[in-house]
Amino acid sequence: MFSKEESRKLREEFWIAFGKSFPNKWTLYKTGVKGLSFKFHFDLKKAMVSIDVDSDFDQRIKVWDKLIALKSIFHDEYLPDAIFEDFFNLDNHKEISRVYLNLNNVSIHNKNTWRETMEFLNTNMLQIEKFYKEYKDIIDS
């Protein structure tokens, strides 16, 4: 068991190491599309990359419909195992739409899983960004 401070330090150490191992200027929140962002997540059980659509309902539906229209291309050419969820509930009970891919059985508290996690995060976020660059005009129209 780790104290909150030990856990915080491990999280900080991981993200610093990730940034040094895979230096990249990630798009993340700077997509230019209202409510659309790309996210990294790593906790005690899994790692995840995601495309989150989190805005007022009308805008969310507008963007989500375009992602759904591109779903077969996304699966065929970028991330075949990505999961599309129209209604995804966050821990704070807020509902968003999300496209995501998980890596299970890894833990931010276990340094032995860090390399595998870093490679997963980097490889899959690169695919998300590659897809976005190719189809940004459609998603943003």
Foldseek 3Di string as FASTA:
>chain_A
DDDPVRLVVLVVVLVVVLCVVDPDDACAPVLVQPQWGWDWDAAAWKTKIKIKRDDPPVSQCLLLVLCVVCVVVCLVPFNVPWDWACWDQDPVRDTITMIMDMDGDDHSVDPVCSVVNSVVVVRRSVSVVVVCVVCVVSSRD
